[in-house]
Amino acid sequence: SSVDPTVEDVTPTDKVEVCMFFDCIEQSAARSFTCP
């Protein structure tokens, strides 16, 4: 599979800010990702 963390169906879009933060399970893991 491909990993694609997604927040969807945010309602209402003009009233709230939604954030996703990531903590890799392997403690020594380096995190990299691209914000869209």
Full PDB file with SEQRES, HELIX, SHEET, SSBOND, CRYST1, ORIGX, SCALE, CONECT and MASTER records, all heavy atoms in Angstrom:
SEQRES   1 A   36  SER SER VAL ASP PRO THR VAL GLU ASP VAL THR PRO THR          
SEQRES   2 A   36  ASP LYS VAL GLU VAL CYS MET PHE PHE ASP CYS ILE GLU          
SEQRES   3 A   36  GLN SER ALA ALA ARG SER PHE THR CYS PRO                      
CRYST1    1.000    1.000    1.000  90.00  90.00  90.00 P 1           1          
ORIGX1      1.000000  0.000000  0.000000        0.00000                         
ORIGX2      0.000000  1.000000  0.000000        0.00000                         
ORIGX3      0.000000  0.000000  1.000000        0.00000                         
SCALE1      1.000000  0.000000  0.000000        0.00000                         
SCALE2      0.000000  1.000000  0.000000        0.00000                         
SCALE3      0.000000  0.000000  1.000000        0.00000                         
ATOM      1  N   SER A   1       0.825  -1.205   0.000  1.00  0.00           N  
ATOM      2  CA  SER A   1       0.000   0.000   0.000  1.00  0.00           C  
ATOM      3  C   SER A   1       0.856   1.250   0.000  1.00  0.00           C  
ATOM      4  O   SER A   1       2.028   1.231   0.345  1.00  0.00           O  
ATOM      5  CB  SER A   1      -0.905   0.023   1.233  1.00  0.00           C  
ATOM      6  OG  SER A   1      -1.830  -1.020   1.180  1.00  0.00           O  
ATOM      7  N   SER A   2       0.217   2.338  -0.358  1.00  0.00           N  
ATOM      8  CA  SER A   2       0.833   3.657  -0.317  1.00  0.00           C  
ATOM      9  C   SER A   2       0.293   4.388   0.905  1.00  0.00           C  
ATOM     10  O   SER A   2      -0.896   4.320   1.197  1.00  0.00           O  
ATOM     11  CB  SER A   2       0.480   4.381  -1.607  1.00  0.00           C  
ATOM     12  OG  SER A   2       0.551   5.746  -1.470  1.00  0.00           O  
ATOM     13  N   VAL A   3       1.161   5.067   1.630  1.00  0.00           N  
ATOM     14  CA  VAL A   3       0.743   5.827   2.808  1.00  0.00           C  
ATOM     15  C   VAL A   3       0.372   7.234   2.351  1.00  0.00           C  
ATOM     16  O   VAL A   3       1.180   7.930   1.742  1.00  0.00           O  
ATOM     17  CB  VAL A   3       1.874   5.870   3.857  1.00  0.00           C  
ATOM     18  CG1 VAL A   3       1.502   6.798   5.001  1.00  0.00           C  
ATOM     19  CG2 VAL A   3       2.169   4.476   4.365  1.00  0.00           C  
ATOM     20  N   ASP A   4      -0.866   7.629   2.628  1.00  0.00           N  
ATOM     21  CA  ASP A   4      -1.326   8.968   2.252  1.00  0.00           C  
ATOM     22  C   ASP A   4      -2.267   9.512   3.323  1.00  0.00           C  
ATOM     23  O   ASP A   4      -3.467   9.610   3.123  1.00  0.00           O  
ATOM     24  CB  ASP A   4      -2.000   8.961   0.883  1.00  0.00           C  
ATOM     25  CG  ASP A   4      -3.272   8.108   0.840  1.00  0.00           C  
ATOM     26  OD1 ASP A   4      -3.476   7.275   1.752  1.00  0.00           O  
ATOM     27  OD2 ASP A   4      -4.072   8.295  -0.084  1.00  0.00           O  
ATOM     28  N   PRO A   5      -1.732   9.888   4.495  1.00  0.00           N  
ATOM     29  CA  PRO A   5      -2.579  10.399   5.571  1.00  0.00           C  
ATOM     30  C   PRO A   5      -3.461  11.538   5.063  1.00  0.00           C  
ATOM     31  O   PRO A   5      -2.980  12.475   4.438  1.00  0.00           O  
ATOM     32  CB  PRO A   5      -1.599  10.898   6.622  1.00  0.00           C  
ATOM     33  CG  PRO A   5      -0.298  10.246   6.284  1.00  0.00           C  
ATOM     34  CD  PRO A   5      -0.322   9.985   4.819  1.00  0.00           C  
ATOM     35  N   THR A   6      -4.759  11.426   5.340  1.00  0.00           N  
ATOM     36  CA  THR A   6      -5.728  12.363   4.788  1.00  0.00           C  
ATOM     37  C   THR A   6      -6.709  12.819   5.853  1.00  0.00           C  
ATOM     38  O   THR A   6      -7.182  12.009   6.652  1.00  0.00           O  
ATOM     39  CB  THR A   6      -6.510  11.692   3.634  1.00  0.00           C  
ATOM     40  OG1 THR A   6      -5.591  11.296   2.614  1.00  0.00           O  
ATOM     41  CG2 THR A   6      -7.556  12.625   3.040  1.00  0.00           C  
ATOM     42  N   VAL A   7      -7.000  14.109   5.854  1.00  0.00           N  
ATOM     43  CA  VAL A   7      -8.125  14.666   6.601  1.00  0.00           C  
ATOM     44  C   VAL A   7      -9.144  15.035   5.533  1.00  0.00           C  
ATOM     45  O   VAL A   7      -8.807  15.716   4.562  1.00  0.00           O  
ATOM     46  CB  VAL A   7      -7.725  15.921   7.409  1.00  0.00           C  
ATOM     47  CG1 VAL A   7      -8.944  16.564   8.020  1.00  0.00           C  
ATOM     48  CG2 VAL A   7      -6.728  15.577   8.484  1.00  0.00           C  
ATOM     49  N   GLU A   8     -10.379  14.559   5.689  1.00  0.00           N  
ATOM     50  CA  GLU A   8     -11.383  14.798   4.664  1.00  0.00           C  
ATOM     51  C   GLU A   8     -12.692  15.238   5.298  1.00  0.00           C  
ATOM     52  O   GLU A   8     -12.888  15.110   6.502  1.00  0.00           O  
ATOM     53  CB  GLU A   8     -11.601  13.535   3.834  1.00  0.00           C  
ATOM     54  CG  GLU A   8     -11.983  12.342   4.667  1.00  0.00           C  
ATOM     55  CD  GLU A   8     -11.830  11.010   3.950  1.00  0.00           C  
ATOM     56  OE1 GLU A   8     -11.178  10.950   2.905  1.00  0.00           O  
ATOM     57  OE2 GLU A   8     -12.382  10.036   4.462  1.00  0.00           O  
ATOM     58  N   ASP A   9     -13.562  15.736   4.468  1.00  0.00           N  
ATOM     59  CA  ASP A   9     -14.906  16.117   4.904  1.00  0.00           C  
ATOM     60  C   ASP A   9     -14.873  17.092   6.079  1.00  0.00           C  
ATOM     61  O   ASP A   9     -15.643  16.958   7.027  1.00  0.00           O  
ATOM     62  CB  ASP A   9     -15.732  14.881   5.280  1.00  0.00           C  
ATOM     63  CG  ASP A   9     -15.822  13.883   4.148  1.00  0.00           C  
ATOM     64  OD1 ASP A   9     -15.883  14.327   2.982  1.00  0.00           O  
ATOM     65  OD2 ASP A   9     -15.824  12.681   4.410  1.00  0.00           O  
ATOM     66  N   VAL A  10     -13.979  18.086   6.030  1.00  0.00           N  
ATOM     67  CA  VAL A  10     -13.919  19.099   7.081  1.00  0.00           C  
ATOM     68  C   VAL A  10     -15.111  20.036   6.903  1.00  0.00           C  
ATOM     69  O   VAL A  10     -15.282  20.631   5.842  1.00  0.00           O  
ATOM     70  CB  VAL A  10     -12.604  19.893   7.019  1.00  0.00           C  
ATOM     71  CG1 VAL A  10     -12.593  20.998   8.061  1.00  0.00           C  
ATOM     72  CG2 VAL A  10     -11.414  18.969   7.186  1.00  0.00           C  
ATOM     73  N   THR A  11     -15.945  20.116   7.918  1.00  0.00           N  
ATOM     74  CA  THR A  11     -17.133  20.972   7.861  1.00  0.00           C  
ATOM     75  C   THR A  11     -17.263  21.730   9.173  1.00  0.00           C  
ATOM     76  O   THR A  11     -17.244  21.094  10.220  1.00  0.00           O  
ATOM     77  CB  THR A  11     -18.407  20.121   7.645  1.00  0.00           C  
ATOM     78  OG1 THR A  11     -18.204  19.280   6.511  1.00  0.00           O  
ATOM     79  CG2 THR A  11     -19.618  20.983   7.421  1.00  0.00           C  
ATOM     80  N   PRO A  12     -17.393  23.027   9.171  1.00  0.00           N  
ATOM     81  CA  PRO A  12     -17.301  23.959   8.038  1.00  0.00           C  
ATOM     82  C   PRO A  12     -15.859  24.368   7.781  1.00  0.00           C  
ATOM     83  O   PRO A  12     -15.086  24.554   8.714  1.00  0.00           O  
ATOM     84  CB  PRO A  12     -18.142  25.147   8.512  1.00  0.00           C  
ATOM     85  CG  PRO A  12     -17.948  25.158   9.998  1.00  0.00           C  
ATOM     86  CD  PRO A  12     -17.789  23.706  10.412  1.00  0.00           C  
ATOM     87  N   THR A  13     -15.480  24.533   6.549  1.00  0.00           N  
ATOM     88  CA  THR A  13     -14.089  24.840   6.212  1.00  0.00           C  
ATOM     89  C   THR A  13     -13.670  26.239   6.623  1.00  0.00           C  
ATOM     90  O   THR A  13     -12.488  26.486   6.819  1.00  0.00           O  
ATOM     91  CB  THR A  13     -13.847  24.686   4.695  1.00  0.00           C  
ATOM     92  OG1 THR A  13     -14.723  25.566   3.989  1.00  0.00           O  
ATOM     93  CG2 THR A  13     -14.062  23.259   4.255  1.00  0.00           C  
ATOM     94  N   ASP A  14     -14.604  27.152   6.765  1.00  0.00           N  
ATOM     95  CA  ASP A  14     -14.238  28.535   7.084  1.00  0.00           C  
ATOM     96  C   ASP A  14     -14.232  28.822   8.580  1.00  0.00           C  
ATOM     97  O   ASP A  14     -13.995  29.944   8.994  1.00  0.00           O  
ATOM     98  CB  ASP A  14     -15.166  29.513   6.370  1.00  0.00           C  
ATOM     99  CG  ASP A  14     -16.626  29.345   6.786  1.00  0.00           C  
ATOM    100  OD1 ASP A  14     -16.999  28.249   7.265  1.00  0.00           O  
ATOM    101  OD2 ASP A  14     -17.399  30.309   6.622  1.00  0.00           O  
ATOM    102  N   LYS A  15     -14.466  27.810   9.413  1.00  0.00           N  
ATOM    103  CA  LYS A  15     -14.587  28.040  10.853  1.00  0.00           C  
ATOM    104  C   LYS A  15     -13.501  27.363  11.681  1.00  0.00           C  
ATOM    105  O   LYS A  15     -13.257  27.748  12.817  1.00  0.00           O  
ATOM    106  CB  LYS A  15     -15.942  27.549  11.363  1.00  0.00           C  
ATOM    107  CG  LYS A  15     -17.133  28.142  10.656  1.00  0.00           C  
ATOM    108  CD  LYS A  15     -17.397  29.546  11.098  1.00  0.00           C  
ATOM    109  CE  LYS A  15     -18.695  30.046  10.470  1.00  0.00           C  
ATOM    110  NZ  LYS A  15     -18.992  31.398  10.810  1.00  0.00           N  
ATOM    111  N   VAL A  16     -12.860  26.312  11.147  1.00  0.00           N  
ATOM    112  CA  VAL A  16     -11.874  25.572  11.934  1.00  0.00           C  
ATOM    113  C   VAL A  16     -10.580  25.365  11.149  1.00  0.00           C  
ATOM    114  O   VAL A  16     -10.574  25.336   9.927  1.00  0.00           O  
ATOM    115  CB  VAL A  16     -12.414  24.183  12.393  1.00  0.00           C  
ATOM    116  CG1 VAL A  16     -13.574  24.345  13.337  1.00  0.00           C  
ATOM    117  CG2 VAL A  16     -12.771  23.301  11.213  1.00  0.00           C  
ATOM    118  N   GLU A  17      -9.494  25.244  11.907  1.00  0.00           N  
ATOM    119  CA  GLU A  17      -8.202  24.846  11.352  1.00  0.00           C  
ATOM    120  C   GLU A  17      -7.945  23.415  11.794  1.00  0.00           C  
ATOM    121  O   GLU A  17      -8.114  23.078  12.968  1.00  0.00           O  
ATOM    122  CB  GLU A  17      -7.085  25.743  11.884  1.00  0.00           C  
ATOM    123  CG  GLU A  17      -5.713  25.287  11.404  1.00  0.00           C  
ATOM    124  CD  GLU A  17      -4.582  25.999  12.109  1.00  0.00           C  
ATOM    125  OE1 GLU A  17      -4.452  25.816  13.342  1.00  0.00           O  
ATOM    126  OE2 GLU A  17      -3.850  26.733  11.436  1.00  0.00           O  
ATOM    127  N   VAL A  18      -7.543  22.570  10.845  1.00  0.00           N  
ATOM    128  CA  VAL A  18      -7.251  21.170  11.139  1.00  0.00           C  
ATOM    129  C   VAL A  18      -5.781  20.917  10.822  1.00  0.00           C  
ATOM    130  O   VAL A  18      -5.287  21.320   9.767  1.00  0.00           O  
ATOM    131  CB  VAL A  18      -8.134  20.222  10.301  1.00  0.00           C  
ATOM    132  CG1 VAL A  18      -7.789  18.769  10.591  1.00  0.00           C  
ATOM    133  CG2 VAL A  18      -9.600  20.487  10.564  1.00  0.00           C  
ATOM    134  N   CYS A  19      -5.079  20.252  11.759  1.00  0.00           N  
ATOM    135  CA  CYS A  19      -3.667  19.920  11.564  1.00  0.00           C  
ATOM    136  C   CYS A  19      -3.465  18.429  11.778  1.00  0.00           C  
ATOM    137  O   CYS A  19      -4.143  17.820  12.604  1.00  0.00           O  
ATOM    138  CB  CYS A  19      -2.789  20.674  12.553  1.00  0.00           C  
ATOM    139  SG  CYS A  19      -2.939  22.462  12.457  1.00  0.00           S  
ATOM    140  N   MET A  20      -2.521  17.856  11.047  1.00  0.00           N  
ATOM    141  CA  MET A  20      -2.071  16.475  11.274  1.00  0.00           C  
ATOM    142  C   MET A  20      -0.587  16.511  11.570  1.00  0.00           C  
ATOM    143  O   MET A  20       0.186  17.134  10.835  1.00  0.00           O  
ATOM    144  CB  MET A  20      -2.299  15.604  10.025  1.00  0.00           C  
ATOM    145  CG  MET A  20      -3.680  15.065   9.882  1.00  0.00           C  
ATOM    146  SD  MET A  20      -3.778  13.732   8.644  1.00  0.00           S  
ATOM    147  CE  MET A  20      -3.278  14.565   7.161  1.00  0.00           C  
ATOM    148  N   PHE A  21      -0.198  15.830  12.658  1.00  0.00           N  
ATOM    149  CA  PHE A  21       1.202  15.723  13.048  1.00  0.00           C  
ATOM    150  C   PHE A  21       1.572  14.248  13.097  1.00  0.00           C  
ATOM    151  O   PHE A  21       0.728  13.398  13.409  1.00  0.00           O  
ATOM    152  CB  PHE A  21       1.430  16.367  14.415  1.00  0.00           C  
ATOM    153  CG  PHE A  21       1.062  17.820  14.448  1.00  0.00           C  
ATOM    154  CD1 PHE A  21      -0.163  18.229  14.943  1.00  0.00           C  
ATOM    155  CD2 PHE A  21       1.940  18.775  13.962  1.00  0.00           C  
ATOM    156  CE1 PHE A  21      -0.515  19.571  14.965  1.00  0.00           C  
ATOM    157  CE2 PHE A  21       1.605  20.123  13.980  1.00  0.00           C  
ATOM    158  CZ  PHE A  21       0.377  20.515  14.480  1.00  0.00           C  
ATOM    159  N   PHE A  22       2.853  13.926  12.826  1.00  0.00           N  
ATOM    160  CA  PHE A  22       3.272  12.545  12.671  1.00  0.00           C  
ATOM    161  C   PHE A  22       4.433  12.197  13.589  1.00  0.00           C  
ATOM    162  O   PHE A  22       5.356  12.978  13.757  1.00  0.00           O  
ATOM    163  CB  PHE A  22       3.691  12.294  11.215  1.00  0.00           C  
ATOM    164  CG  PHE A  22       2.663  12.773  10.245  1.00  0.00           C  
ATOM    165  CD1 PHE A  22       2.830  13.966   9.575  1.00  0.00           C  
ATOM    166  CD2 PHE A  22       1.498  12.050  10.045  1.00  0.00           C  
ATOM    167  CE1 PHE A  22       1.865  14.432   8.698  1.00  0.00           C  
ATOM    168  CE2 PHE A  22       0.528  12.498   9.178  1.00  0.00           C  
ATOM    169  CZ  PHE A  22       0.711  13.690   8.501  1.00  0.00           C  
ATOM    170  N   ASP A  23       4.352  11.004  14.158  1.00  0.00           N  
ATOM    171  CA  ASP A  23       5.418  10.474  15.004  1.00  0.00           C  
ATOM    172  C   ASP A  23       5.657   9.033  14.569  1.00  0.00           C  
ATOM    173  O   ASP A  23       4.859   8.143  14.880  1.00  0.00           O  
ATOM    174  CB  ASP A  23       4.986  10.534  16.475  1.00  0.00           C  
ATOM    175  CG  ASP A  23       6.106  10.205  17.429  1.00  0.00           C  
ATOM    176  OD1 ASP A  23       7.277  10.165  17.000  1.00  0.00           O  
ATOM    177  OD2 ASP A  23       5.812   9.980  18.621  1.00  0.00           O  
ATOM    178  N   CYS A  24       6.732   8.808  13.817  1.00  0.00           N  
ATOM    179  CA  CYS A  24       7.024   7.465  13.326  1.00  0.00           C  
ATOM    180  C   CYS A  24       7.185   6.506  14.502  1.00  0.00           C  
ATOM    181  O   CYS A  24       7.737   6.870  15.540  1.00  0.00           O  
ATOM    182  CB  CYS A  24       8.285   7.472  12.473  1.00  0.00           C  
ATOM    183  SG  CYS A  24       8.083   8.364  10.908  1.00  0.00           S  
ATOM    184  N   ILE A  25       6.671   5.295  14.349  1.00  0.00           N  
ATOM    185  CA  ILE A  25       6.689   4.304  15.430  1.00  0.00           C  
ATOM    186  C   ILE A  25       8.122   3.943  15.814  1.00  0.00           C  
ATOM    187  O   ILE A  25       8.450   3.820  16.981  1.00  0.00           O  
ATOM    188  CB  ILE A  25       5.894   3.041  15.041  1.00  0.00           C  
ATOM    189  CG1 ILE A  25       4.429   3.388  14.749  1.00  0.00           C  
ATOM    190  CG2 ILE A  25       6.012   1.969  16.114  1.00  0.00           C  
ATOM    191  CD1 ILE A  25       3.659   3.964  15.907  1.00  0.00           C  
ATOM    192  N   GLU A  26       8.994   3.789  14.826  1.00  0.00           N  
ATOM    193  CA  GLU A  26      10.396   3.492  15.116  1.00  0.00           C  
ATOM    194  C   GLU A  26      11.035   4.777  15.639  1.00  0.00           C  
ATOM    195  O   GLU A  26      11.116   5.772  14.926  1.00  0.00           O  
ATOM    196  CB  GLU A  26      11.111   3.010  13.859  1.00  0.00           C  
ATOM    197  CG  GLU A  26      10.525   1.716  13.313  1.00  0.00           C  
ATOM    198  CD  GLU A  26      11.136   1.327  11.977  1.00  0.00           C  
ATOM    199  OE1 GLU A  26      12.167   1.911  11.586  1.00  0.00           O  
ATOM    200  OE2 GLU A  26      10.565   0.444  11.339  1.00  0.00           O  
ATOM    201  N   GLN A  27      11.473   4.773  16.873  1.00  0.00           N  
ATOM    202  CA  GLN A  27      11.948   5.995  17.534  1.00  0.00           C  
ATOM    203  C   GLN A  27      13.084   6.693  16.797  1.00  0.00           C  
ATOM    204  O   GLN A  27      13.209   7.902  16.848  1.00  0.00           O  
ATOM    205  CB  GLN A  27      12.378   5.687  18.977  1.00  0.00           C  
ATOM    206  CG  GLN A  27      11.238   5.260  19.858  1.00  0.00           C  
ATOM    207  CD  GLN A  27      10.161   6.336  19.977  1.00  0.00           C  
ATOM    208  OE1 GLN A  27      10.444   7.517  20.035  1.00  0.00           O  
ATOM    209  NE2 GLN A  27       8.908   5.922  20.007  1.00  0.00           N  
ATOM    210  N   SER A  28      13.916   5.923  16.112  1.00  0.00           N  
ATOM    211  CA  SER A  28      15.046   6.557  15.418  1.00  0.00           C  
ATOM    212  C   SER A  28      14.681   6.961  13.996  1.00  0.00           C  
ATOM    213  O   SER A  28      15.525   7.405  13.246  1.00  0.00           O  
ATOM    214  CB  SER A  28      16.231   5.579  15.382  1.00  0.00           C  
ATOM    215  OG  SER A  28      15.868   4.419  14.650  1.00  0.00           O  
ATOM    216  N   ALA A  29      13.417   6.832  13.645  1.00  0.00           N  
ATOM    217  CA  ALA A  29      13.004   7.094  12.279  1.00  0.00           C  
ATOM    218  C   ALA A  29      13.027   8.588  11.959  1.00  0.00           C  
ATOM    219  O   ALA A  29      12.608   9.406  12.759  1.00  0.00           O  
ATOM    220  CB  ALA A  29      11.604   6.538  12.042  1.00  0.00           C  
ATOM    221  N   ALA A  30      13.516   8.907  10.788  1.00  0.00           N  
ATOM    222  CA  ALA A  30      13.479  10.285  10.307  1.00  0.00           C  
ATOM    223  C   ALA A  30      12.144  10.502   9.605  1.00  0.00           C  
ATOM    224  O   ALA A  30      11.674   9.646   8.876  1.00  0.00           O  
ATOM    225  CB  ALA A  30      14.628  10.529   9.341  1.00  0.00           C  
ATOM    226  N   ARG A  31      11.517  11.644   9.857  1.00  0.00           N  
ATOM    227  CA  ARG A  31      10.245  11.951   9.213  1.00  0.00           C  
ATOM    228  C   ARG A  31      10.490  12.843   8.012  1.00  0.00           C  
ATOM    229  O   ARG A  31      11.213  13.824   8.094  1.00  0.00           O  
ATOM    230  CB  ARG A  31       9.318  12.672  10.179  1.00  0.00           C  
ATOM    231  CG  ARG A  31       8.854  11.815  11.313  1.00  0.00           C  
ATOM    232  CD  ARG A  31       8.098  12.666  12.285  1.00  0.00           C  
ATOM    233  NE  ARG A  31       9.043  13.615  12.883  1.00  0.00           N  
ATOM    234  CZ  ARG A  31       8.935  14.101  14.105  1.00  0.00           C  
ATOM    235  NH1 ARG A  31       7.912  13.788  14.838  1.00  0.00           N  
ATOM    236  NH2 ARG A  31       9.820  14.929  14.588  1.00  0.00           N  
ATOM    237  N   SER A  32       9.853  12.492   6.913  1.00  0.00           N  
ATOM    238  CA  SER A  32       9.823  13.405   5.772  1.00  0.00           C  
ATOM    239  C   SER A  32       8.450  13.278   5.129  1.00  0.00           C  
ATOM    240  O   SER A  32       7.855  12.203   5.116  1.00  0.00           O  
ATOM    241  CB  SER A  32      10.938  13.102   4.771  1.00  0.00           C  
ATOM    242  OG  SER A  32      10.737  11.863   4.152  1.00  0.00           O  
ATOM    243  N   PHE A  33       7.938  14.380   4.638  1.00  0.00           N  
ATOM    244  CA  PHE A  33       6.630  14.410   3.994  1.00  0.00           C  
ATOM    245  C   PHE A  33       6.497  15.742   3.276  1.00  0.00           C  
ATOM    246  O   PHE A  33       7.302  16.652   3.474  1.00  0.00           O  
ATOM    247  CB  PHE A  33       5.497  14.235   5.013  1.00  0.00           C  
ATOM    248  CG  PHE A  33       5.540  15.216   6.138  1.00  0.00           C  
ATOM    249  CD1 PHE A  33       4.947  16.456   6.035  1.00  0.00           C  
ATOM    250  CD2 PHE A  33       6.215  14.900   7.313  1.00  0.00           C  
ATOM    251  CE1 PHE A  33       5.012  17.372   7.080  1.00  0.00           C  
ATOM    252  CE2 PHE A  33       6.278  15.797   8.360  1.00  0.00           C  
ATOM    253  CZ  PHE A  33       5.678  17.040   8.238  1.00  0.00           C  
ATOM    254  N   THR A  34       5.470  15.853   2.453  1.00  0.00           N  
ATOM    255  CA  THR A  34       5.213  17.068   1.708  1.00  0.00           C  
ATOM    256  C   THR A  34       3.814  17.569   2.034  1.00  0.00           C  
ATOM    257  O   THR A  34       2.833  16.835   1.859  1.00  0.00           O  
ATOM    258  CB  THR A  34       5.317  16.803   0.187  1.00  0.00           C  
ATOM    259  OG1 THR A  34       6.604  16.271  -0.096  1.00  0.00           O  
ATOM    260  CG2 THR A  34       5.091  18.075  -0.607  1.00  0.00           C  
ATOM    261  N   CYS A  35       3.713  18.795   2.531  1.00  0.00           N  
ATOM    262  CA  CYS A  35       2.403  19.408   2.769  1.00  0.00           C  
ATOM    263  C   CYS A  35       1.837  19.849   1.426  1.00  0.00           C  
ATOM    264  O   CYS A  35       2.540  20.495   0.645  1.00  0.00           O  
ATOM    265  CB  CYS A  35       2.516  20.607   3.707  1.00  0.00           C  
ATOM    266  SG  CYS A  35       2.987  20.166   5.394  1.00  0.00           S  
ATOM    267  N   PRO A  36       0.579  19.528   1.141  1.00  0.00           N  
ATOM    268  CA  PRO A  36       0.004  19.863  -0.161  1.00  0.00           C  
ATOM    269  C   PRO A  36      -0.380  21.334  -0.255  1.00  0.00           C  
ATOM    270  O   PRO A  36      -0.455  22.043   0.750  1.00  0.00           O  
ATOM    271  CB  PRO A  36      -1.240  18.971  -0.221  1.00  0.00           C  
ATOM    272  CG  PRO A  36      -1.649  18.823   1.199  1.00  0.00           C  
ATOM    273  CD  PRO A  36      -0.357  18.772   1.977  1.00  0.00           C  
TER     274      PRO A  36                                                      
MASTER        0    0    0    0    0    0    0    6  273    1    0    3          
END                                                                             
